[in-house]
Amino acid sequence: MCIGTCILTFHAPYVNSLKEKRMILKSIIEKTKHKFNVSIAEVDTQDVHRILTIGFACVSNEMRHVERMMEQIVNFMQEHTEAELVGVEKELL
């Protein structure tokens, strides 16, 4: 069994409230869940309204599949939000 985890950090300078941040997070998380079979959630910076920290995990029987899936998810999330991707932390187990 191969497991991939990833933490993405986005900067959204146009966000002015935590309510607005939650709307953006909910949208990107739901779109990602709908397209990919991954566990995903906000994992840090819950009280900082301009920083979005999203973590996800995926499992497969092949490491190549996990790596490919993680790249596709990162690209998908970048394409479906106006926030700037400022950090990516990946771990493969």
C-alpha atoms as a PDB file:
ATOM      1  CA  MET A   1       0.000   0.000   0.000  1.00  0.00           C
ATOM      2  CA  CYS A   2       1.311   3.457  -0.955  1.00  0.00           C
ATOM      3  CA  ILE A   3       0.143   6.640   0.725  1.00  0.00           C
ATOM      4  CA  GLY A   4       0.666  10.211  -0.413  1.00  0.00           C
ATOM      5  CA  THR A   5       0.008  13.285   1.705  1.00  0.00           C
ATOM      6  CA  CYS A   6       0.248  16.883   0.635  1.00  0.00           C
ATOM      7  CA  ILE A   7      -0.189  20.255   2.325  1.00  0.00           C
ATOM      8  CA  LEU A   8      -0.839  23.236   0.068  1.00  0.00           C
ATOM      9  CA  THR A   9      -0.589  26.816   1.225  1.00  0.00           C
ATOM     10  CA  PHE A  10      -2.375  29.517  -0.755  1.00  0.00           C
ATOM     11  CA  HIS A  11      -2.246  33.291  -0.322  1.00  0.00           C
ATOM     12  CA  ALA A  12      -5.444  35.197  -1.129  1.00  0.00           C
ATOM     13  CA  PRO A  13      -4.802  38.934  -0.660  1.00  0.00           C
ATOM     14  CA  TYR A  14      -8.307  39.809  -1.881  1.00  0.00           C
ATOM     15  CA  VAL A  15     -10.036  38.011   1.051  1.00  0.00           C
ATOM     16  CA  ASN A  16     -11.312  40.418   3.703  1.00  0.00           C
ATOM     17  CA  SER A  17     -13.017  38.148   6.234  1.00  0.00           C
ATOM     18  CA  LEU A  18     -13.033  34.633   7.640  1.00  0.00           C
ATOM     19  CA  LYS A  19     -16.525  34.160   6.190  1.00  0.00           C
ATOM     20  CA  GLU A  20     -15.221  34.898   2.697  1.00  0.00           C
ATOM     21  CA  LYS A  21     -12.275  32.548   3.293  1.00  0.00           C
ATOM     22  CA  ARG A  22     -14.631  29.737   4.362  1.00  0.00           C
ATOM     23  CA  MET A  23     -16.656  30.169   1.162  1.00  0.00           C
ATOM     24  CA  ILE A  24     -13.511  29.891  -0.973  1.00  0.00           C
ATOM     25  CA  LEU A  25     -12.255  26.881   1.005  1.00  0.00           C
ATOM     26  CA  LYS A  26     -15.583  25.092   0.823  1.00  0.00           C
ATOM     27  CA  SER A  27     -15.738  25.608  -2.929  1.00  0.00           C
ATOM     28  CA  ILE A  28     -12.248  24.316  -3.711  1.00  0.00           C
ATOM     29  CA  ILE A  29     -12.536  21.401  -1.272  1.00  0.00           C
ATOM     30  CA  GLU A  30     -15.894  20.284  -2.684  1.00  0.00           C
ATOM     31  CA  LYS A  31     -14.689  20.578  -6.294  1.00  0.00           C
ATOM     32  CA  THR A  32     -11.595  18.524  -5.479  1.00  0.00           C
ATOM     33  CA  LYS A  33     -13.570  15.864  -3.581  1.00  0.00           C
ATOM     34  CA  HIS A  34     -16.004  15.603  -6.479  1.00  0.00           C
ATOM     35  CA  LYS A  35     -13.262  15.096  -9.098  1.00  0.00           C
ATOM     36  CA  PHE A  36     -10.785  12.962  -7.101  1.00  0.00           C
ATOM     37  CA  ASN A  37     -11.201  10.254  -4.493  1.00  0.00           C
ATOM     38  CA  VAL A  38      -9.156  11.908  -1.710  1.00  0.00           C
ATOM     39  CA  SER A  39      -9.532  12.931   1.895  1.00  0.00           C
ATOM     40  CA  ILE A  40      -9.154  16.707   2.058  1.00  0.00           C
ATOM     41  CA  ALA A  41      -9.585  19.425   4.691  1.00  0.00           C
ATOM     42  CA  GLU A  42      -8.294  22.747   5.958  1.00  0.00           C
ATOM     43  CA  VAL A  43      -5.407  21.747   8.223  1.00  0.00           C
ATOM     44  CA  ASP A  44      -3.903  24.992   9.565  1.00  0.00           C
ATOM     45  CA  THR A  45      -4.207  28.799   9.684  1.00  0.00           C
ATOM     46  CA  GLN A  46      -7.934  28.664  10.421  1.00  0.00           C
ATOM     47  CA  ASP A  47      -7.862  32.127  12.021  1.00  0.00           C
ATOM     48  CA  VAL A  48      -5.816  33.866   9.299  1.00  0.00           C
ATOM     49  CA  HIS A  49      -8.213  35.091   6.641  1.00  0.00           C
ATOM     50  CA  ARG A  50      -5.713  35.547   3.787  1.00  0.00           C
ATOM     51  CA  ILE A  51      -3.851  32.234   4.126  1.00  0.00           C
ATOM     52  CA  LEU A  52      -5.493  28.943   3.127  1.00  0.00           C
ATOM     53  CA  THR A  53      -3.787  25.720   4.219  1.00  0.00           C
ATOM     54  CA  ILE A  54      -5.321  22.607   2.706  1.00  0.00           C
ATOM     55  CA  GLY A  55      -4.171  19.033   3.243  1.00  0.00           C
ATOM     56  CA  PHE A  56      -5.114  15.926   1.339  1.00  0.00           C
ATOM     57  CA  ALA A  57      -4.195  12.249   1.293  1.00  0.00           C
ATOM     58  CA  CYS A  58      -4.521   9.517  -1.306  1.00  0.00           C
ATOM     59  CA  VAL A  59      -3.910   5.772  -1.246  1.00  0.00           C
ATOM     60  CA  SER A  60      -3.070   3.340  -4.032  1.00  0.00           C
ATOM     61  CA  ASN A  61      -1.260   0.089  -4.625  1.00  0.00           C
ATOM     62  CA  GLU A  62       1.355   1.784  -6.876  1.00  0.00           C
ATOM     63  CA  MET A  63       3.651   4.680  -5.968  1.00  0.00           C
ATOM     64  CA  ARG A  64       3.566   6.018  -9.547  1.00  0.00           C
ATOM     65  CA  HIS A  65      -0.213   6.292  -9.359  1.00  0.00           C
ATOM     66  CA  VAL A  66      -0.018   8.188  -6.048  1.00  0.00           C
ATOM     67  CA  GLU A  67       2.580  10.616  -7.440  1.00  0.00           C
ATOM     68  CA  ARG A  68       0.584  11.204 -10.626  1.00  0.00           C
ATOM     69  CA  MET A  69      -2.627  11.707  -8.680  1.00  0.00           C
ATOM     70  CA  MET A  70      -0.994  14.203  -6.316  1.00  0.00           C
ATOM     71  CA  GLU A  71       0.327  16.251  -9.254  1.00  0.00           C
ATOM     72  CA  GLN A  72      -3.099  16.266 -10.889  1.00  0.00           C
ATOM     73  CA  ILE A  73      -4.753  17.426  -7.662  1.00  0.00           C
ATOM     74  CA  VAL A  74      -2.238  20.239  -7.120  1.00  0.00           C
ATOM     75  CA  ASN A  75      -2.714  21.413 -10.717  1.00  0.00           C
ATOM     76  CA  PHE A  76      -6.505  21.170 -10.429  1.00  0.00           C
ATOM     77  CA  MET A  77      -6.560  23.225  -7.234  1.00  0.00           C
ATOM     78  CA  GLN A  78      -4.298  25.881  -8.744  1.00  0.00           C
ATOM     79  CA  GLU A  79      -6.565  26.174 -11.786  1.00  0.00           C
ATOM     80  CA  HIS A  80      -9.779  26.424  -9.743  1.00  0.00           C
ATOM     81  CA  THR A  81      -8.884  29.199  -7.328  1.00  0.00           C
ATOM     82  CA  GLU A  82      -7.663  32.751  -7.740  1.00  0.00           C
ATOM     83  CA  ALA A  83      -5.410  32.389  -4.708  1.00  0.00           C
ATOM     84  CA  GLU A  84      -1.667  32.111  -5.307  1.00  0.00           C
ATOM     85  CA  LEU A  85      -0.010  28.803  -4.432  1.00  0.00           C
ATOM     86  CA  VAL A  86       2.917  29.686  -2.135  1.00  0.00           C
ATOM     87  CA  GLY A  87       3.842  26.319  -0.647  1.00  0.00           C
ATOM     88  CA  VAL A  88       3.655  22.599  -1.331  1.00  0.00           C
ATOM     89  CA  GLU A  89       4.754  19.912   1.122  1.00  0.00           C
ATOM     90  CA  LYS A  90       4.512  16.346  -0.162  1.00  0.00           C
ATOM     91  CA  GLU A  91       5.215  13.097   1.641  1.00  0.00           C
ATOM     92  CA  LEU A  92       5.121   9.626   0.171  1.00  0.00           C
ATOM     93  CA  LEU A  93       4.913   6.560   2.406  1.00  0.00           C
END
